């Protein structure tokens, strides 16, 4: 079974459900993220040896990030919390030679 970024799979032996989050063609590895937020990596040979089946994305696919499916769905009742990156609160500094301060 070919790993594609964004696809969900279930390991039929362990019952673990995970999403493919990255592929490293150079090192022939597949990076996956489990429902608890844990990230793992496996080589392609190990990937091919596993008993995997395509799986639908779980209802609470981002539960490890502290969000429920209801909080993620803008059509759900109630207010949706605004998700901000910590980088949104940083202010850049002006350095000589940058676009902000060309002198």
Protein backbone atom coordinates (compact mmCIF):
# COMPACT_ATOMS: atom_id res chain seq x y z
CA UNK A 1 0.00 0.00 0.00
CA UNK A 2 1.45 3.33 -1.05
CA UNK A 3 1.84 5.99 1.66
CA UNK A 4 0.50 9.40 0.63
CA UNK A 5 0.70 12.49 2.82
CA UNK A 6 -2.62 13.20 4.49
CA UNK A 7 -3.94 9.65 4.20
CA UNK A 8 -4.98 7.71 7.29
CA UNK A 9 -4.18 4.07 7.88
CA UNK A 10 -4.94 1.41 10.47
CA UNK A 11 -2.38 -1.17 11.48
CA UNK A 12 -4.49 -4.34 11.42
CA UNK A 13 -2.25 -6.13 13.92
CA UNK A 14 -2.00 -3.42 16.60
CA UNK A 15 -5.20 -1.48 15.84
CA UNK A 16 -3.27 1.80 15.81
CA UNK A 17 -4.61 4.53 13.55
CA UNK A 18 -2.22 7.09 12.11
CA UNK A 19 -1.82 9.73 9.42
CA UNK A 20 1.06 9.96 6.97
CA UNK A 21 2.57 13.41 7.56
CA UNK A 22 5.81 13.33 5.54
CA UNK A 23 7.77 11.26 3.07
CA UNK A 24 11.54 11.35 2.81
CA UNK A 25 12.43 10.06 -0.64
CA UNK A 26 16.18 10.44 -0.04
CA UNK A 27 16.21 8.23 3.07
CA UNK A 28 13.20 6.14 1.98
CA UNK A 29 11.24 6.80 5.18
CA UNK A 30 7.61 7.50 6.03
CA UNK A 31 6.78 9.84 8.92
CA UNK A 32 3.46 9.19 10.66
CA UNK A 33 1.50 10.82 13.45
CA UNK A 34 -0.69 8.83 15.81
CA UNK A 35 -3.90 10.05 17.45
CA UNK A 36 -2.11 10.91 20.70
CA UNK A 37 0.17 13.31 18.80
CA UNK A 38 3.18 11.00 18.82
CA UNK A 39 5.24 11.19 15.64
CA UNK A 40 7.02 8.12 14.37
CA UNK A 41 9.17 7.19 11.43
CA UNK A 42 9.55 3.92 9.57
CA UNK A 43 11.54 2.89 6.55
CA UNK A 44 9.72 1.92 3.36
CA UNK A 45 10.66 -1.73 3.72
CA UNK A 46 9.05 -1.87 7.18
CA UNK A 47 6.01 0.02 5.81
CA UNK A 48 5.52 -2.58 3.09
CA UNK A 49 5.84 -5.47 5.57
CA UNK A 50 3.06 -4.17 7.83
CA UNK A 51 -0.59 -5.20 7.57
CA UNK A 52 -2.17 -1.83 6.83
CA UNK A 53 -5.61 -0.80 5.66
CA UNK A 54 -6.84 2.62 4.56
CA UNK A 55 -8.82 4.32 7.31
CA UNK A 56 -11.12 7.30 7.50
CA UNK A 57 -9.84 10.29 9.46
CA UNK A 58 -11.15 9.96 13.02
CA UNK A 59 -13.82 12.37 14.20
CA UNK A 60 -11.38 13.80 16.76
CA UNK A 61 -8.29 13.63 14.55
CA UNK A 62 -6.76 16.64 16.34
CA UNK A 63 -7.62 15.58 19.89
CA UNK A 64 -3.91 15.43 20.73
CA UNK A 65 -3.77 19.17 20.10
CA UNK A 66 -6.43 19.87 22.72
CA UNK A 67 -9.25 20.40 20.23
CA UNK A 68 -12.43 18.43 19.87
CA UNK A 69 -14.20 17.88 16.57
CA UNK A 70 -16.86 20.38 17.68
CA UNK A 71 -14.24 23.10 18.27
CA UNK A 72 -12.78 22.47 14.81
CA UNK A 73 -16.10 22.59 12.94
CA UNK A 74 -17.14 26.20 12.24
CA UNK A 75 -20.71 25.00 11.53
CA UNK A 76 -21.08 23.50 15.01
CA UNK A 77 -23.07 25.27 17.69
CA UNK A 78 -21.24 27.63 20.00
CA UNK A 79 -18.25 29.80 19.37
CA UNK A 80 -15.13 28.53 17.71
CA UNK A 81 -11.94 29.49 19.52
CA UNK A 82 -9.51 31.49 17.44
CA UNK A 83 -6.37 29.49 16.86
CA UNK A 84 -3.26 31.62 16.86
CA UNK A 85 0.29 30.64 16.34
CA UNK A 86 2.71 31.86 19.06
CA UNK A 87 4.56 33.52 16.20
CA UNK A 88 1.56 35.81 15.63
CA UNK A 89 2.41 37.65 18.84
CA UNK A 90 6.06 38.28 18.02
CA UNK A 91 7.13 41.62 16.69
CA UNK A 92 10.04 41.80 14.33
CA UNK A 93 13.00 44.04 14.96
CA UNK A 94 14.30 46.54 12.47
CA UNK A 95 17.82 45.90 11.30
CA UNK A 96 19.80 48.03 8.90
CA UNK A 97 19.47 46.73 5.37
CA UNK A 98 16.08 45.05 5.84
CA UNK A 99 12.89 46.02 4.05
CA UNK A 100 11.61 47.72 7.20
CA UNK A 101 14.66 49.92 7.66
CA UNK A 102 16.59 50.35 4.38
CA UNK A 103 19.23 52.71 5.89
